[in-house]
Amino acid sequence: MSEILREKAFSNGRIFQITQGDITLEPLDAIVNAANAYLQHGGGVAWAIWRRGGEAIQRESDEWVRKYGPVTHEKPAYTSGGLMPCKYVIHAVGPVWGAGDEDQKLAATVRGALERASELGLRSLALPAISTGIFGFPKERAADILFAEIERYLSEQIASSLELVRLVLFDTPTIEAFLSVWDAQGRSSLPAGGGQET
């Protein structure tokens, strides 16, 4: 169960939320895994997803890489949700800080995940704070990019099936960094009766 911290509703009826919770427990159509190019789920969010979702996640990931090769920023892979409540896991490869062109790569990663969800006909999607863990991307900088890409997509991609995009944050430093960027930019605050769990 996630606690809604911030929410923005768009004129087209779509909703963008920031929540605090465990992404592996999200009962949405899909969750995004912050993956590496070879889909070896050994640490961070990827390890938590593998642990909760079961062996099927790694088995299907290995099959994807054998069939299509390493995953790029722009074109994420996807597997079933295994034992988790979501239908799919979209495996998005974010940039490693210091590798060059990090901002553009992170933006491409977010767009790719949103586009893949729409290709699958999904209505709801949860994303973590991609690349801000072991990949070392500065949290505030990542927040600015994630917010901009998600908001642009929800407001402009009229044909997309997505209706709800939820950014699920886990640890206190990440939550504080993301909320500080959100509030500093004057976005909508808590929803009516805010803080409810979903």
C-alpha atoms as a PDB file:
ATOM      1  CA  MET A   1       0.000   0.000   0.000  1.00  0.00           C
ATOM      2  CA  SER A   2       1.365   3.373  -1.001  1.00  0.00           C
ATOM      3  CA  GLU A   3       0.797   6.665   0.752  1.00  0.00           C
ATOM      4  CA  ILE A   4       0.040   9.434  -1.713  1.00  0.00           C
ATOM      5  CA  LEU A   5       2.364  12.384  -1.028  1.00  0.00           C
ATOM      6  CA  ARG A   6       1.634  14.582  -4.065  1.00  0.00           C
ATOM      7  CA  GLU A   7      -0.777  14.400  -6.971  1.00  0.00           C
ATOM      8  CA  LYS A   8      -1.397  16.241 -10.219  1.00  0.00           C
ATOM      9  CA  ALA A   9      -4.545  15.795 -12.289  1.00  0.00           C
ATOM     10  CA  PHE A  10      -4.452  16.755 -15.961  1.00  0.00           C
ATOM     11  CA  SER A  11      -7.309  18.274 -17.952  1.00  0.00           C
ATOM     12  CA  ASN A  12      -7.555  15.052 -19.973  1.00  0.00           C
ATOM     13  CA  GLY A  13      -8.347  13.080 -16.800  1.00  0.00           C
ATOM     14  CA  ARG A  14      -4.943  11.478 -16.352  1.00  0.00           C
ATOM     15  CA  ILE A  15      -3.240  11.473 -12.953  1.00  0.00           C
ATOM     16  CA  PHE A  16       0.400  11.654 -11.850  1.00  0.00           C
ATOM     17  CA  GLN A  17       1.185  10.737  -8.243  1.00  0.00           C
ATOM     18  CA  ILE A  18       4.199  10.641  -5.985  1.00  0.00           C
ATOM     19  CA  THR A  19       3.829   8.016  -3.284  1.00  0.00           C
ATOM     20  CA  GLN A  20       5.838   6.402  -0.538  1.00  0.00           C
ATOM     21  CA  GLY A  21       5.799   2.641  -0.507  1.00  0.00           C
ATOM     22  CA  ASP A  22       7.133  -0.656  -1.813  1.00  0.00           C
ATOM     23  CA  ILE A  23       6.897  -0.824  -5.607  1.00  0.00           C
ATOM     24  CA  THR A  24       6.771  -4.625  -5.522  1.00  0.00           C
ATOM     25  CA  LEU A  25       3.376  -4.433  -3.773  1.00  0.00           C
ATOM     26  CA  GLU A  26       1.759  -2.022  -6.248  1.00  0.00           C
ATOM     27  CA  PRO A  27      -1.498  -3.488  -7.646  1.00  0.00           C
ATOM     28  CA  LEU A  28      -1.131  -1.586 -10.929  1.00  0.00           C
ATOM     29  CA  ASP A  29      -0.946  -2.975 -14.462  1.00  0.00           C
ATOM     30  CA  ALA A  30       2.852  -2.733 -14.495  1.00  0.00           C
ATOM     31  CA  ILE A  31       5.809  -1.642 -12.439  1.00  0.00           C
ATOM     32  CA  VAL A  32       9.142  -0.429 -13.784  1.00  0.00           C
ATOM     33  CA  ASN A  33      12.349  -2.126 -12.748  1.00  0.00           C
ATOM     34  CA  ALA A  34      15.531  -0.050 -12.721  1.00  0.00           C
ATOM     35  CA  ALA A  35      17.545  -2.663 -14.598  1.00  0.00           C
ATOM     36  CA  ASN A  36      20.958  -3.160 -16.139  1.00  0.00           C
ATOM     37  CA  ALA A  37      21.390  -3.895 -19.843  1.00  0.00           C
ATOM     38  CA  TYR A  38      21.715  -7.659 -19.330  1.00  0.00           C
ATOM     39  CA  LEU A  39      18.759  -7.896 -16.912  1.00  0.00           C
ATOM     40  CA  GLN A  40      20.767  -9.486 -14.122  1.00  0.00           C
ATOM     41  CA  HIS A  41      18.680  -8.562 -11.087  1.00  0.00           C
ATOM     42  CA  GLY A  42      21.289  -8.570  -8.338  1.00  0.00           C
ATOM     43  CA  GLY A  43      20.860  -5.303  -6.430  1.00  0.00           C
ATOM     44  CA  GLY A  44      18.608  -2.416  -5.470  1.00  0.00           C
ATOM     45  CA  VAL A  45      15.084  -2.287  -6.903  1.00  0.00           C
ATOM     46  CA  ALA A  46      15.907  -5.121  -9.321  1.00  0.00           C
ATOM     47  CA  TRP A  47      16.823  -7.479  -6.488  1.00  0.00           C
ATOM     48  CA  ALA A  48      13.652  -6.571  -4.551  1.00  0.00           C
ATOM     49  CA  ILE A  49      11.526  -7.273  -7.647  1.00  0.00           C
ATOM     50  CA  TRP A  50      13.255 -10.600  -8.269  1.00  0.00           C
ATOM     51  CA  ARG A  51      12.869 -11.601  -4.602  1.00  0.00           C
ATOM     52  CA  ARG A  52       9.151 -10.746  -4.520  1.00  0.00           C
ATOM     53  CA  GLY A  53       8.289 -11.849  -8.049  1.00  0.00           C
ATOM     54  CA  GLY A  54      10.069 -15.187  -7.977  1.00  0.00           C
ATOM     55  CA  GLU A  55      12.295 -17.109 -10.366  1.00  0.00           C
ATOM     56  CA  ALA A  56      10.043 -16.427 -13.372  1.00  0.00           C
ATOM     57  CA  ILE A  57      11.292 -12.817 -13.472  1.00  0.00           C
ATOM     58  CA  GLN A  58      14.937 -13.818 -14.019  1.00  0.00           C
ATOM     59  CA  ARG A  59      14.044 -16.703 -16.344  1.00  0.00           C
ATOM     60  CA  GLU A  60      11.947 -14.462 -18.603  1.00  0.00           C
ATOM     61  CA  SER A  61      14.614 -11.756 -18.434  1.00  0.00           C
ATOM     62  CA  ASP A  62      17.304 -14.187 -19.579  1.00  0.00           C
ATOM     63  CA  GLU A  63      15.060 -15.298 -22.445  1.00  0.00           C
ATOM     64  CA  TRP A  64      14.565 -11.659 -23.509  1.00  0.00           C
ATOM     65  CA  VAL A  65      18.293 -10.960 -23.628  1.00  0.00           C
ATOM     66  CA  ARG A  66      18.957 -14.189 -25.563  1.00  0.00           C
ATOM     67  CA  LYS A  67      16.313 -13.209 -28.109  1.00  0.00           C
ATOM     68  CA  TYR A  68      16.854  -9.446 -28.426  1.00  0.00           C
ATOM     69  CA  GLY A  69      20.283  -8.723 -26.941  1.00  0.00           C
ATOM     70  CA  PRO A  70      21.169  -6.114 -24.288  1.00  0.00           C
ATOM     71  CA  VAL A  71      18.418  -3.669 -23.356  1.00  0.00           C
ATOM     72  CA  THR A  72      18.825  -0.012 -24.404  1.00  0.00           C
ATOM     73  CA  HIS A  73      17.685   3.158 -22.674  1.00  0.00           C
ATOM     74  CA  GLU A  74      15.049   3.828 -25.345  1.00  0.00           C
ATOM     75  CA  LYS A  75      13.580   0.314 -25.641  1.00  0.00           C
ATOM     76  CA  PRO A  76      12.939  -1.401 -22.303  1.00  0.00           C
ATOM     77  CA  ALA A  77      12.239  -5.095 -21.969  1.00  0.00           C
ATOM     78  CA  TYR A  78       9.203  -6.561 -20.257  1.00  0.00           C
ATOM     79  CA  THR A  79       8.313  -9.744 -18.416  1.00  0.00           C
ATOM     80  CA  SER A  80       5.359 -11.007 -16.443  1.00  0.00           C
ATOM     81  CA  GLY A  81       4.895  -9.819 -12.878  1.00  0.00           C
ATOM     82  CA  GLY A  82       5.577 -13.289 -11.523  1.00  0.00           C
ATOM     83  CA  LEU A  83       4.187 -13.582  -7.992  1.00  0.00           C
ATOM     84  CA  MET A  84       3.612  -9.825  -7.619  1.00  0.00           C
ATOM     85  CA  PRO A  85       0.163  -8.183  -7.985  1.00  0.00           C
ATOM     86  CA  CYS A  86       1.176  -6.342 -11.195  1.00  0.00           C
ATOM     87  CA  LYS A  87       0.639  -7.939 -14.614  1.00  0.00           C
ATOM     88  CA  TYR A  88       3.988  -6.869 -16.070  1.00  0.00           C
ATOM     89  CA  VAL A  89       7.431  -5.681 -15.127  1.00  0.00           C
ATOM     90  CA  ILE A  90       8.953  -3.197 -17.573  1.00  0.00           C
ATOM     91  CA  HIS A  91      12.742  -3.421 -17.281  1.00  0.00           C
ATOM     92  CA  ALA A  92      14.135   0.052 -18.002  1.00  0.00           C
ATOM     93  CA  VAL A  93      17.883   0.680 -18.180  1.00  0.00           C
ATOM     94  CA  GLY A  94      18.787   4.049 -16.717  1.00  0.00           C
ATOM     95  CA  PRO A  95      22.187   5.729 -17.117  1.00  0.00           C
ATOM     96  CA  VAL A  96      25.143   5.359 -14.797  1.00  0.00           C
ATOM     97  CA  TRP A  97      26.227   8.761 -13.486  1.00  0.00           C
ATOM     98  CA  GLY A  98      29.526   9.774 -15.065  1.00  0.00           C
ATOM     99  CA  ALA A  99      29.014   7.825 -18.311  1.00  0.00           C
ATOM    100  CA  GLY A 100      28.172  10.949 -20.330  1.00  0.00           C
ATOM    101  CA  ASP A 101      24.881  12.424 -21.661  1.00  0.00           C
ATOM    102  CA  GLU A 102      23.184  11.256 -18.475  1.00  0.00           C
ATOM    103  CA  ASP A 103      20.281  13.717 -18.620  1.00  0.00           C
ATOM    104  CA  GLN A 104      19.335  12.725 -22.162  1.00  0.00           C
ATOM    105  CA  LYS A 105      19.706   9.032 -21.373  1.00  0.00           C
ATOM    106  CA  LEU A 106      17.483   9.264 -18.289  1.00  0.00           C
ATOM    107  CA  ALA A 107      14.836  11.174 -20.241  1.00  0.00           C
ATOM    108  CA  ALA A 108      14.959   8.482 -22.962  1.00  0.00           C
ATOM    109  CA  THR A 109      14.625   5.758 -20.328  1.00  0.00           C
ATOM    110  CA  VAL A 110      11.503   7.336 -18.816  1.00  0.00           C
ATOM    111  CA  ARG A 111       9.921   7.929 -22.238  1.00  0.00           C
ATOM    112  CA  GLY A 112      10.731   4.371 -23.251  1.00  0.00           C
ATOM    113  CA  ALA A 113       8.999   2.937 -20.178  1.00  0.00           C
ATOM    114  CA  LEU A 114       5.887   5.044 -20.735  1.00  0.00           C
ATOM    115  CA  GLU A 115       5.763   4.128 -24.422  1.00  0.00           C
ATOM    116  CA  ARG A 116       6.222   0.421 -23.677  1.00  0.00           C
ATOM    117  CA  ALA A 117       3.339   0.536 -21.187  1.00  0.00           C
ATOM    118  CA  SER A 118       1.113   2.115 -23.825  1.00  0.00           C
ATOM    119  CA  GLU A 119       2.187  -0.461 -26.431  1.00  0.00           C
ATOM    120  CA  LEU A 120       1.000  -3.131 -23.990  1.00  0.00           C
ATOM    121  CA  GLY A 121      -2.342  -1.320 -23.623  1.00  0.00           C
ATOM    122  CA  LEU A 122      -1.840  -0.649 -19.920  1.00  0.00           C
ATOM    123  CA  ARG A 123      -3.778   1.921 -17.912  1.00  0.00           C
ATOM    124  CA  SER A 124      -1.557   2.234 -14.839  1.00  0.00           C
ATOM    125  CA  LEU A 125       2.181   2.234 -14.259  1.00  0.00           C
ATOM    126  CA  ALA A 126       4.486   2.621 -11.245  1.00  0.00           C
ATOM    127  CA  LEU A 127       8.088   3.794 -11.580  1.00  0.00           C
ATOM    128  CA  PRO A 128      10.937   3.979  -9.053  1.00  0.00           C
ATOM    129  CA  ALA A 129      13.509   6.783  -8.844  1.00  0.00           C
ATOM    130  CA  ILE A 130      15.461   5.377 -11.791  1.00  0.00           C
ATOM    131  CA  SER A 131      19.285   5.587 -11.629  1.00  0.00           C
ATOM    132  CA  THR A 132      19.366   7.360  -8.233  1.00  0.00           C
ATOM    133  CA  GLY A 133      20.537   4.303  -6.284  1.00  0.00           C
ATOM    134  CA  ILE A 134      23.678   2.344  -7.153  1.00  0.00           C
ATOM    135  CA  PHE A 135      23.899   4.141 -10.534  1.00  0.00           C
ATOM    136  CA  GLY A 136      24.599   7.371  -8.620  1.00  0.00           C
ATOM    137  CA  PHE A 137      22.406   9.884 -10.479  1.00  0.00           C
ATOM    138  CA  PRO A 138      21.885  12.975  -8.252  1.00  0.00           C
ATOM    139  CA  LYS A 139      18.392  12.736  -6.785  1.00  0.00           C
ATOM    140  CA  GLU A 140      17.211  16.316  -7.349  1.00  0.00           C
ATOM    141  CA  ARG A 141      18.465  16.312 -10.924  1.00  0.00           C
ATOM    142  CA  ALA A 142      16.753  12.992 -11.613  1.00  0.00           C
ATOM    143  CA  ALA A 143      13.512  14.255 -10.067  1.00  0.00           C
ATOM    144  CA  ASP A 144      13.440  17.229 -12.410  1.00  0.00           C
ATOM    145  CA  ILE A 145      13.869  14.965 -15.454  1.00  0.00           C
ATOM    146  CA  LEU A 146      11.361  12.339 -14.336  1.00  0.00           C
ATOM    147  CA  PHE A 147       8.712  14.956 -13.548  1.00  0.00           C
ATOM    148  CA  ALA A 148       9.174  16.734 -16.864  1.00  0.00           C
ATOM    149  CA  GLU A 149       9.047  13.579 -18.975  1.00  0.00           C
ATOM    150  CA  ILE A 150       6.045  12.073 -17.189  1.00  0.00           C
ATOM    151  CA  GLU A 151       4.068  15.318 -17.278  1.00  0.00           C
ATOM    152  CA  ARG A 152       4.893  15.910 -20.942  1.00  0.00           C
ATOM    153  CA  TYR A 153       3.817  12.397 -21.844  1.00  0.00           C
ATOM    154  CA  LEU A 154       0.542  12.472 -19.905  1.00  0.00           C
ATOM    155  CA  SER A 155      -0.440  15.860 -21.278  1.00  0.00           C
ATOM    156  CA  GLU A 156       0.630  15.385 -24.911  1.00  0.00           C
ATOM    157  CA  GLN A 157       0.260  11.713 -25.860  1.00  0.00           C
ATOM    158  CA  ILE A 158      -3.489  11.700 -26.392  1.00  0.00           C
ATOM    159  CA  ALA A 159      -3.585   8.224 -27.951  1.00  0.00           C
ATOM    160  CA  SER A 160      -1.780   6.564 -25.034  1.00  0.00           C
ATOM    161  CA  SER A 161      -3.700   4.052 -22.930  1.00  0.00           C
ATOM    162  CA  LEU A 162      -2.081   5.271 -19.702  1.00  0.00           C
ATOM    163  CA  GLU A 163      -4.404   6.942 -17.192  1.00  0.00           C
ATOM    164  CA  LEU A 164      -2.346   6.777 -13.975  1.00  0.00           C
ATOM    165  CA  VAL A 165       1.411   7.083 -13.523  1.00  0.00           C
ATOM    166  CA  ARG A 166       2.728   6.675 -10.000  1.00  0.00           C
ATOM    167  CA  LEU A 167       6.280   7.445  -8.887  1.00  0.00           C
ATOM    168  CA  VAL A 168       6.886   5.126  -5.924  1.00  0.00           C
ATOM    169  CA  LEU A 169       9.669   6.225  -3.581  1.00  0.00           C
ATOM    170  CA  PHE A 170      11.005   4.134  -0.734  1.00  0.00           C
ATOM    171  CA  ASP A 171      13.712   5.783   1.356  1.00  0.00           C
ATOM    172  CA  THR A 172      13.575   9.098   3.205  1.00  0.00           C
ATOM    173  CA  PRO A 173      16.468  10.878   1.401  1.00  0.00           C
ATOM    174  CA  THR A 174      14.889  10.158  -1.990  1.00  0.00           C
ATOM    175  CA  ILE A 175      11.438  11.239  -0.826  1.00  0.00           C
ATOM    176  CA  GLU A 176      12.780  14.495   0.601  1.00  0.00           C
ATOM    177  CA  ALA A 177      14.780  15.270  -2.549  1.00  0.00           C
ATOM    178  CA  PHE A 178      11.888  14.588  -4.926  1.00  0.00           C
ATOM    179  CA  LEU A 179       9.326  16.501  -2.867  1.00  0.00           C
ATOM    180  CA  SER A 180      11.647  19.495  -2.567  1.00  0.00           C
ATOM    181  CA  VAL A 181      11.893  19.698  -6.364  1.00  0.00           C
ATOM    182  CA  TRP A 182       8.151  19.176  -6.786  1.00  0.00           C
ATOM    183  CA  ASP A 183       7.236  21.905  -4.294  1.00  0.00           C
ATOM    184  CA  ALA A 184       9.884  24.346  -5.507  1.00  0.00           C
ATOM    185  CA  GLN A 185       8.413  24.157  -8.997  1.00  0.00           C
ATOM    186  CA  GLY A 186       4.925  24.992  -7.760  1.00  0.00           C
ATOM    187  CA  ARG A 187       3.190  21.797  -8.809  1.00  0.00           C
ATOM    188  CA  SER A 188      -0.097  20.640  -7.306  1.00  0.00           C
ATOM    189  CA  SER A 189       0.214  19.514  -3.727  1.00  0.00           C
ATOM    190  CA  LEU A 190      -1.627  16.842  -1.784  1.00  0.00           C
ATOM    191  CA  PRO A 191      -4.896  15.561  -3.252  1.00  0.00           C
ATOM    192  CA  ALA A 192      -8.160  16.387  -1.490  1.00  0.00           C
ATOM    193  CA  GLY A 193      -8.134  14.515   1.811  1.00  0.00           C
ATOM    194  CA  GLY A 194      -4.444  13.858   1.046  1.00  0.00           C
ATOM    195  CA  GLY A 195      -2.278  11.134   2.378  1.00  0.00           C
ATOM    196  CA  GLN A 196      -4.748   8.342   1.731  1.00  0.00           C
ATOM    197  CA  GLU A 197      -3.391   4.933   0.925  1.00  0.00           C
ATOM    198  CA  THR A 198      -4.156   3.113  -2.306  1.00  0.00           C
END
